[in-house]
Amino acid sequence: MNAYQAAQHYSSLKTQTNIVDASPHRLIQMLFEGALERIAQAKGAMKQNQIARKGELIGKAINIVGGLQGSLNDREGGNLAASLDSLYDYIVRRLIKANLDNNPDILDECGRLLGELKTGWDAIASEVS
């Protein structure tokens, strides 16, 4: 195992440990962080003309947003859950468009939207702990 593989393995173990120990609120924070990180990485790959890497990273971001969407509680969430569902759907469609058009501005838009949601989610941490 080379140094890069060892670092990746360590990072994977650390992430798995964090997930096991995380509260439900923290898990959602981690999803936001993961989506934002993948979008930023995709933008970098886009600028470096790494087409396959860009597509892979945007695909991962789409999967994470799907996870956020799947975590919504329609029964208890009411209008807020419905609004978030629509917003997540919009973000997924925009990520697909960014990939097809190779457009970093759309990635920035998706990052801003998810960043605003994460800021709101982070603000309620003390209320749900």
N, C-alpha and C. Protein backbone atom coordinates (compact mmCIF):
# COMPACT_ATOMS: atom_id res chain seq x y z
N MET A 1 0.86 -1.17 0.00
CA MET A 1 0.00 0.00 0.00
C MET A 1 0.91 1.24 0.00
N ASN A 2 0.69 2.13 -0.99
CA ASN A 2 1.50 3.34 -1.03
C ASN A 2 0.94 4.39 -0.07
N ALA A 3 1.64 5.49 0.07
CA ALA A 3 1.26 6.52 1.03
C ALA A 3 -0.12 7.12 0.72
N TYR A 4 -0.41 7.31 -0.57
CA TYR A 4 -1.71 7.87 -0.95
C TYR A 4 -2.85 6.94 -0.55
N GLN A 5 -2.68 5.64 -0.85
CA GLN A 5 -3.71 4.66 -0.48
C GLN A 5 -3.88 4.57 1.03
N ALA A 6 -2.79 4.64 1.75
CA ALA A 6 -2.85 4.59 3.21
C ALA A 6 -3.61 5.80 3.75
N ALA A 7 -3.34 6.97 3.18
CA ALA A 7 -4.04 8.19 3.62
C ALA A 7 -5.53 8.09 3.32
N GLN A 8 -5.87 7.56 2.15
CA GLN A 8 -7.28 7.39 1.80
C GLN A 8 -7.97 6.41 2.74
N HIS A 9 -7.29 5.33 3.06
CA HIS A 9 -7.84 4.33 3.96
C HIS A 9 -8.07 4.94 5.35
N TYR A 10 -7.09 5.68 5.85
CA TYR A 10 -7.23 6.34 7.15
C TYR A 10 -8.39 7.32 7.13
N SER A 11 -8.51 8.10 6.07
CA SER A 11 -9.60 9.06 5.95
C SER A 11 -10.94 8.35 5.95
N SER A 12 -11.02 7.23 5.26
CA SER A 12 -12.26 6.46 5.21
C SER A 12 -12.62 5.93 6.59
N LEU A 13 -11.66 5.41 7.32
CA LEU A 13 -11.91 4.91 8.68
C LEU A 13 -12.35 6.03 9.60
N LYS A 14 -11.70 7.18 9.48
CA LYS A 14 -12.06 8.34 10.31
C LYS A 14 -13.49 8.76 10.02
N THR A 15 -13.87 8.81 8.75
CA THR A 15 -15.23 9.19 8.38
C THR A 15 -16.24 8.18 8.93
N GLN A 16 -15.93 6.89 8.80
CA GLN A 16 -16.83 5.86 9.31
C GLN A 16 -17.02 5.99 10.81
N THR A 17 -15.95 6.27 11.54
CA THR A 17 -16.03 6.45 12.99
C THR A 17 -16.88 7.66 13.32
N ASN A 18 -16.70 8.76 12.59
CA ASN A 18 -17.49 9.96 12.83
C ASN A 18 -18.97 9.71 12.59
N ILE A 19 -19.29 8.91 11.58
CA ILE A 19 -20.69 8.61 11.26
C ILE A 19 -21.32 7.79 12.39
N VAL A 20 -20.61 6.79 12.87
CA VAL A 20 -21.14 5.93 13.93
C VAL A 20 -21.42 6.75 15.19
N ASP A 21 -20.56 7.69 15.51
CA ASP A 21 -20.68 8.48 16.73
C ASP A 21 -21.58 9.70 16.58
N ALA A 22 -22.05 10.01 15.39
CA ALA A 22 -22.76 11.27 15.13
C ALA A 22 -24.24 11.20 15.51
N SER A 23 -24.74 12.34 15.96
CA SER A 23 -26.17 12.49 16.21
C SER A 23 -26.88 12.64 14.86
N PRO A 24 -28.19 12.46 14.82
CA PRO A 24 -28.91 12.67 13.56
C PRO A 24 -28.68 14.08 13.00
N HIS A 25 -28.62 15.07 13.87
CA HIS A 25 -28.36 16.44 13.40
C HIS A 25 -26.98 16.54 12.77
N ARG A 26 -26.00 15.94 13.40
CA ARG A 26 -24.63 15.99 12.88
C ARG A 26 -24.52 15.24 11.55
N LEU A 27 -25.28 14.15 11.40
CA LEU A 27 -25.25 13.42 10.13
C LEU A 27 -25.70 14.30 8.97
N ILE A 28 -26.73 15.11 9.19
CA ILE A 28 -27.20 16.02 8.13
C ILE A 28 -26.13 17.07 7.86
N GLN A 29 -25.48 17.58 8.91
CA GLN A 29 -24.38 18.53 8.70
C GLN A 29 -23.30 17.90 7.84
N MET A 30 -22.98 16.64 8.11
CA MET A 30 -21.94 15.95 7.35
C MET A 30 -22.35 15.78 5.89
N LEU A 31 -23.64 15.55 5.64
CA LEU A 31 -24.10 15.47 4.26
C LEU A 31 -23.92 16.81 3.55
N PHE A 32 -24.30 17.90 4.22
CA PHE A 32 -24.10 19.22 3.63
C PHE A 32 -22.62 19.45 3.33
N GLU A 33 -21.76 19.13 4.29
CA GLU A 33 -20.32 19.33 4.11
C GLU A 33 -19.81 18.51 2.94
N GLY A 34 -20.26 17.26 2.85
CA GLY A 34 -19.82 16.40 1.76
C GLY A 34 -20.26 16.92 0.40
N ALA A 35 -21.50 17.37 0.30
CA ALA A 35 -22.00 17.91 -0.97
C ALA A 35 -21.21 19.14 -1.37
N LEU A 36 -20.99 20.04 -0.42
CA LEU A 36 -20.25 21.27 -0.72
C LEU A 36 -18.81 20.97 -1.13
N GLU A 37 -18.21 19.99 -0.48
CA GLU A 37 -16.84 19.62 -0.82
C GLU A 37 -16.78 19.02 -2.23
N ARG A 38 -17.72 18.15 -2.56
CA ARG A 38 -17.73 17.54 -3.89
C ARG A 38 -17.97 18.57 -4.98
N ILE A 39 -18.83 19.55 -4.71
CA ILE A 39 -19.09 20.61 -5.69
C ILE A 39 -17.82 21.43 -5.91
N ALA A 40 -17.13 21.77 -4.84
CA ALA A 40 -15.88 22.54 -4.98
C ALA A 40 -14.83 21.73 -5.74
N GLN A 41 -14.74 20.44 -5.45
CA GLN A 41 -13.78 19.59 -6.15
C GLN A 41 -14.16 19.46 -7.63
N ALA A 42 -15.46 19.35 -7.91
CA ALA A 42 -15.92 19.26 -9.30
C ALA A 42 -15.57 20.52 -10.06
N LYS A 43 -15.70 21.66 -9.41
CA LYS A 43 -15.35 22.93 -10.06
C LYS A 43 -13.86 22.95 -10.40
N GLY A 44 -13.04 22.46 -9.47
CA GLY A 44 -11.60 22.37 -9.74
C GLY A 44 -11.30 21.44 -10.90
N ALA A 45 -11.96 20.29 -10.93
CA ALA A 45 -11.77 19.33 -12.02
C ALA A 45 -12.23 19.93 -13.35
N MET A 46 -13.31 20.70 -13.29
CA MET A 46 -13.84 21.35 -14.49
C MET A 46 -12.81 22.33 -15.04
N LYS A 47 -12.21 23.12 -14.16
CA LYS A 47 -11.22 24.12 -14.59
C LYS A 47 -9.97 23.46 -15.14
N GLN A 48 -9.66 22.25 -14.66
CA GLN A 48 -8.48 21.53 -15.14
C GLN A 48 -8.79 20.60 -16.30
N ASN A 49 -10.04 20.70 -16.81
CA ASN A 49 -10.49 19.90 -17.94
C ASN A 49 -10.39 18.39 -17.67
N GLN A 50 -10.63 18.01 -16.42
CA GLN A 50 -10.66 16.60 -16.03
C GLN A 50 -12.13 16.14 -16.10
N ILE A 51 -12.57 15.84 -17.30
CA ILE A 51 -13.98 15.59 -17.57
C ILE A 51 -14.52 14.41 -16.76
N ALA A 52 -13.81 13.29 -16.77
CA ALA A 52 -14.30 12.11 -16.05
C ALA A 52 -14.38 12.39 -14.55
N ARG A 53 -13.37 13.02 -14.01
CA ARG A 53 -13.34 13.35 -12.57
C ARG A 53 -14.47 14.30 -12.22
N LYS A 54 -14.69 15.30 -13.07
CA LYS A 54 -15.78 16.25 -12.85
C LYS A 54 -17.11 15.53 -12.77
N GLY A 55 -17.35 14.63 -13.73
CA GLY A 55 -18.61 13.88 -13.76
C GLY A 55 -18.77 13.01 -12.53
N GLU A 56 -17.69 12.38 -12.12
CA GLU A 56 -17.71 11.52 -10.92
C GLU A 56 -18.07 12.34 -9.68
N LEU A 57 -17.45 13.49 -9.53
CA LEU A 57 -17.69 14.33 -8.36
C LEU A 57 -19.09 14.93 -8.36
N ILE A 58 -19.56 15.35 -9.51
CA ILE A 58 -20.93 15.87 -9.59
C ILE A 58 -21.92 14.74 -9.29
N GLY A 59 -21.63 13.54 -9.77
CA GLY A 59 -22.48 12.40 -9.44
C GLY A 59 -22.54 12.14 -7.94
N LYS A 60 -21.39 12.27 -7.28
CA LYS A 60 -21.37 12.09 -5.82
C LYS A 60 -22.18 13.18 -5.13
N ALA A 61 -22.04 14.42 -5.60
CA ALA A 61 -22.82 15.52 -5.02
C ALA A 61 -24.32 15.27 -5.20
N ILE A 62 -24.70 14.79 -6.37
CA ILE A 62 -26.11 14.48 -6.64
C ILE A 62 -26.60 13.40 -5.68
N ASN A 63 -25.79 12.38 -5.46
CA ASN A 63 -26.18 11.32 -4.52
C ASN A 63 -26.35 11.85 -3.10
N ILE A 64 -25.48 12.76 -2.70
CA ILE A 64 -25.57 13.32 -1.36
C ILE A 64 -26.83 14.18 -1.23
N VAL A 65 -27.09 14.99 -2.24
CA VAL A 65 -28.32 15.80 -2.21
C VAL A 65 -29.54 14.88 -2.17
N GLY A 66 -29.46 13.76 -2.88
CA GLY A 66 -30.53 12.77 -2.81
C GLY A 66 -30.69 12.22 -1.40
N GLY A 67 -29.58 12.05 -0.70
CA GLY A 67 -29.63 11.61 0.70
C GLY A 67 -30.29 12.65 1.59
N LEU A 68 -29.98 13.91 1.34
CA LEU A 68 -30.64 14.99 2.09
C LEU A 68 -32.14 14.98 1.80
N GLN A 69 -32.48 14.81 0.56
CA GLN A 69 -33.88 14.78 0.15
C GLN A 69 -34.59 13.59 0.79
N GLY A 70 -33.93 12.46 0.83
CA GLY A 70 -34.51 11.27 1.42
C GLY A 70 -34.67 11.34 2.93
N SER A 71 -33.94 12.25 3.55
CA SER A 71 -34.03 12.39 5.01
C SER A 71 -35.21 13.25 5.46
N LEU A 72 -35.89 13.86 4.50
CA LEU A 72 -37.03 14.72 4.85
C LEU A 72 -38.18 13.88 5.41
N ASN A 73 -38.85 14.43 6.40
CA ASN A 73 -40.00 13.78 7.02
C ASN A 73 -41.25 14.50 6.54
N ASP A 74 -41.87 13.94 5.50
CA ASP A 74 -43.04 14.59 4.91
C ASP A 74 -44.20 14.71 5.88
N ARG A 75 -44.36 13.73 6.74
CA ARG A 75 -45.49 13.72 7.66
C ARG A 75 -45.39 14.84 8.69
N GLU A 76 -44.21 14.98 9.29
CA GLU A 76 -44.04 15.99 10.34
C GLU A 76 -43.51 17.32 9.81
N GLY A 77 -42.89 17.29 8.63
CA GLY A 77 -42.25 18.48 8.10
C GLY A 77 -43.17 19.45 7.41
N GLY A 78 -44.33 18.99 6.99
CA GLY A 78 -45.33 19.85 6.36
C GLY A 78 -44.80 20.63 5.18
N ASN A 79 -45.14 21.92 5.16
CA ASN A 79 -44.76 22.80 4.05
C ASN A 79 -43.25 22.97 3.94
N LEU A 80 -42.56 22.97 5.08
CA LEU A 80 -41.10 23.12 5.04
C LEU A 80 -40.47 21.93 4.32
N ALA A 81 -40.90 20.73 4.65
CA ALA A 81 -40.36 19.55 3.98
C ALA A 81 -40.67 19.58 2.49
N ALA A 82 -41.86 20.01 2.12
CA ALA A 82 -42.23 20.10 0.71
C ALA A 82 -41.37 21.13 -0.02
N SER A 83 -41.12 22.25 0.62
CA SER A 83 -40.28 23.29 0.01
C SER A 83 -38.84 22.80 -0.15
N LEU A 84 -38.32 22.13 0.88
CA LEU A 84 -36.96 21.61 0.80
C LEU A 84 -36.86 20.53 -0.28
N ASP A 85 -37.88 19.70 -0.38
CA ASP A 85 -37.91 18.67 -1.42
C ASP A 85 -37.79 19.30 -2.81
N SER A 86 -38.56 20.36 -3.02
CA SER A 86 -38.51 21.07 -4.31
C SER A 86 -37.14 21.70 -4.54
N LEU A 87 -36.57 22.27 -3.49
CA LEU A 87 -35.26 22.90 -3.62
C LEU A 87 -34.18 21.86 -3.92
N TYR A 88 -34.22 20.73 -3.23
CA TYR A 88 -33.24 19.68 -3.51
C TYR A 88 -33.39 19.17 -4.94
N ASP A 89 -34.63 19.03 -5.39
CA ASP A 89 -34.87 18.61 -6.77
C ASP A 89 -34.26 19.61 -7.75
N TYR A 90 -34.46 20.90 -7.47
CA TYR A 90 -33.89 21.95 -8.31
C TYR A 90 -32.36 21.86 -8.33
N ILE A 91 -31.75 21.66 -7.16
CA ILE A 91 -30.30 21.58 -7.08
C ILE A 91 -29.78 20.40 -7.90
N VAL A 92 -30.45 19.26 -7.81
CA VAL A 92 -30.03 18.09 -8.59
C VAL A 92 -30.11 18.39 -10.09
N ARG A 93 -31.21 19.02 -10.51
CA ARG A 93 -31.34 19.35 -11.94
C ARG A 93 -30.25 20.33 -12.38
N ARG A 94 -29.91 21.28 -11.52
CA ARG A 94 -28.87 22.25 -11.86
C ARG A 94 -27.49 21.59 -11.89
N LEU A 95 -27.25 20.65 -10.99
CA LEU A 95 -25.97 19.93 -11.02
C LEU A 95 -25.83 19.14 -12.32
N ILE A 96 -26.89 18.53 -12.75
CA ILE A 96 -26.87 17.80 -14.03
C ILE A 96 -26.57 18.76 -15.17
N LYS A 97 -27.21 19.92 -15.15
CA LYS A 97 -26.99 20.94 -16.19
C LYS A 97 -25.55 21.44 -16.16
N ALA A 98 -25.01 21.66 -14.96
CA ALA A 98 -23.62 22.11 -14.84
C ALA A 98 -22.67 21.09 -15.46
N ASN A 99 -22.97 19.82 -15.25
CA ASN A 99 -22.13 18.77 -15.81
C ASN A 99 -22.23 18.75 -17.33
N LEU A 100 -23.45 18.79 -17.84
CA LEU A 100 -23.65 18.75 -19.29
C LEU A 100 -23.05 19.96 -20.00
N ASP A 101 -23.22 21.15 -19.39
CA ASP A 101 -22.76 22.39 -20.02
C ASP A 101 -21.34 22.77 -19.62
N ASN A 102 -20.75 22.00 -18.69
CA ASN A 102 -19.41 22.33 -18.19
C ASN A 102 -19.37 23.76 -17.67
N ASN A 103 -20.37 24.09 -16.83
CA ASN A 103 -20.57 25.47 -16.39
C ASN A 103 -20.28 25.64 -14.90
N PRO A 104 -19.14 26.26 -14.56
CA PRO A 104 -18.80 26.44 -13.14
C PRO A 104 -19.74 27.41 -12.42
N ASP A 105 -20.38 28.32 -13.15
CA ASP A 105 -21.30 29.26 -12.50
C ASP A 105 -22.50 28.52 -11.89
N ILE A 106 -22.94 27.47 -12.55
CA ILE A 106 -24.06 26.69 -12.01
C ILE A 106 -23.61 25.95 -10.76
N LEU A 107 -22.38 25.45 -10.76
CA LEU A 107 -21.85 24.82 -9.55
C LEU A 107 -21.81 25.82 -8.41
N ASP A 108 -21.41 27.05 -8.71
CA ASP A 108 -21.40 28.09 -7.67
C ASP A 108 -22.80 28.33 -7.12
N GLU A 109 -23.79 28.36 -8.00
CA GLU A 109 -25.18 28.56 -7.57
C GLU A 109 -25.60 27.44 -6.62
N CYS A 110 -25.32 26.20 -6.99
CA CYS A 110 -25.69 25.05 -6.15
C CYS A 110 -24.96 25.11 -4.81
N GLY A 111 -23.70 25.49 -4.85
CA GLY A 111 -22.93 25.63 -3.62
C GLY A 111 -23.50 26.71 -2.71
N ARG A 112 -23.92 27.82 -3.29
CA ARG A 112 -24.53 28.90 -2.49
C ARG A 112 -25.82 28.43 -1.83
N LEU A 113 -26.66 27.76 -2.61
CA LEU A 113 -27.93 27.28 -2.06
C LEU A 113 -27.71 26.29 -0.92
N LEU A 114 -26.84 25.32 -1.15
CA LEU A 114 -26.56 24.35 -0.09
C LEU A 114 -25.87 25.00 1.10
N GLY A 115 -25.02 25.98 0.83
CA GLY A 115 -24.35 26.70 1.92
C GLY A 115 -25.34 27.45 2.80
N GLU A 116 -26.34 28.05 2.18
CA GLU A 116 -27.37 28.77 2.95
C GLU A 116 -28.18 27.79 3.79
N LEU A 117 -28.51 26.65 3.21
CA LEU A 117 -29.24 25.63 3.97
C LEU A 117 -28.40 25.12 5.15
N LYS A 118 -27.11 24.91 4.89
CA LYS A 118 -26.22 24.42 5.95
C LYS A 118 -26.10 25.45 7.06
N THR A 119 -26.02 26.71 6.72
CA THR A 119 -25.94 27.76 7.74
C THR A 119 -27.17 27.73 8.64
N GLY A 120 -28.34 27.59 8.04
CA GLY A 120 -29.57 27.48 8.82
C GLY A 120 -29.58 26.24 9.70
N TRP A 121 -29.14 25.12 9.13
CA TRP A 121 -29.09 23.87 9.88
C TRP A 121 -28.11 23.98 11.04
N ASP A 122 -26.94 24.58 10.79
CA ASP A 122 -25.95 24.76 11.84
C ASP A 122 -26.49 25.62 12.98
N ALA A 123 -27.32 26.61 12.64
CA ALA A 123 -27.84 27.55 13.64
C ALA A 123 -28.78 26.88 14.64
N ILE A 124 -29.40 25.76 14.25
CA ILE A 124 -30.33 25.12 15.16
C ILE A 124 -29.67 24.02 16.00
N ALA A 125 -28.38 23.88 15.88
CA ALA A 125 -27.67 22.78 16.58
C ALA A 125 -27.93 22.80 18.08
N SER A 126 -27.90 23.97 18.70
CA SER A 126 -28.08 24.03 20.16
C SER A 126 -29.51 23.68 20.56
N GLU A 127 -30.46 23.84 19.65
CA GLU A 127 -31.85 23.57 19.95
C GLU A 127 -32.17 22.08 19.89
N VAL A 128 -31.39 21.32 19.13
CA VAL A 128 -31.68 19.91 18.96
C VAL A 128 -30.72 18.99 19.71
N SER A 129 -29.73 19.57 20.35
CA SER A 129 -28.74 18.75 21.08
C SER A 129 -29.26 18.34 22.44
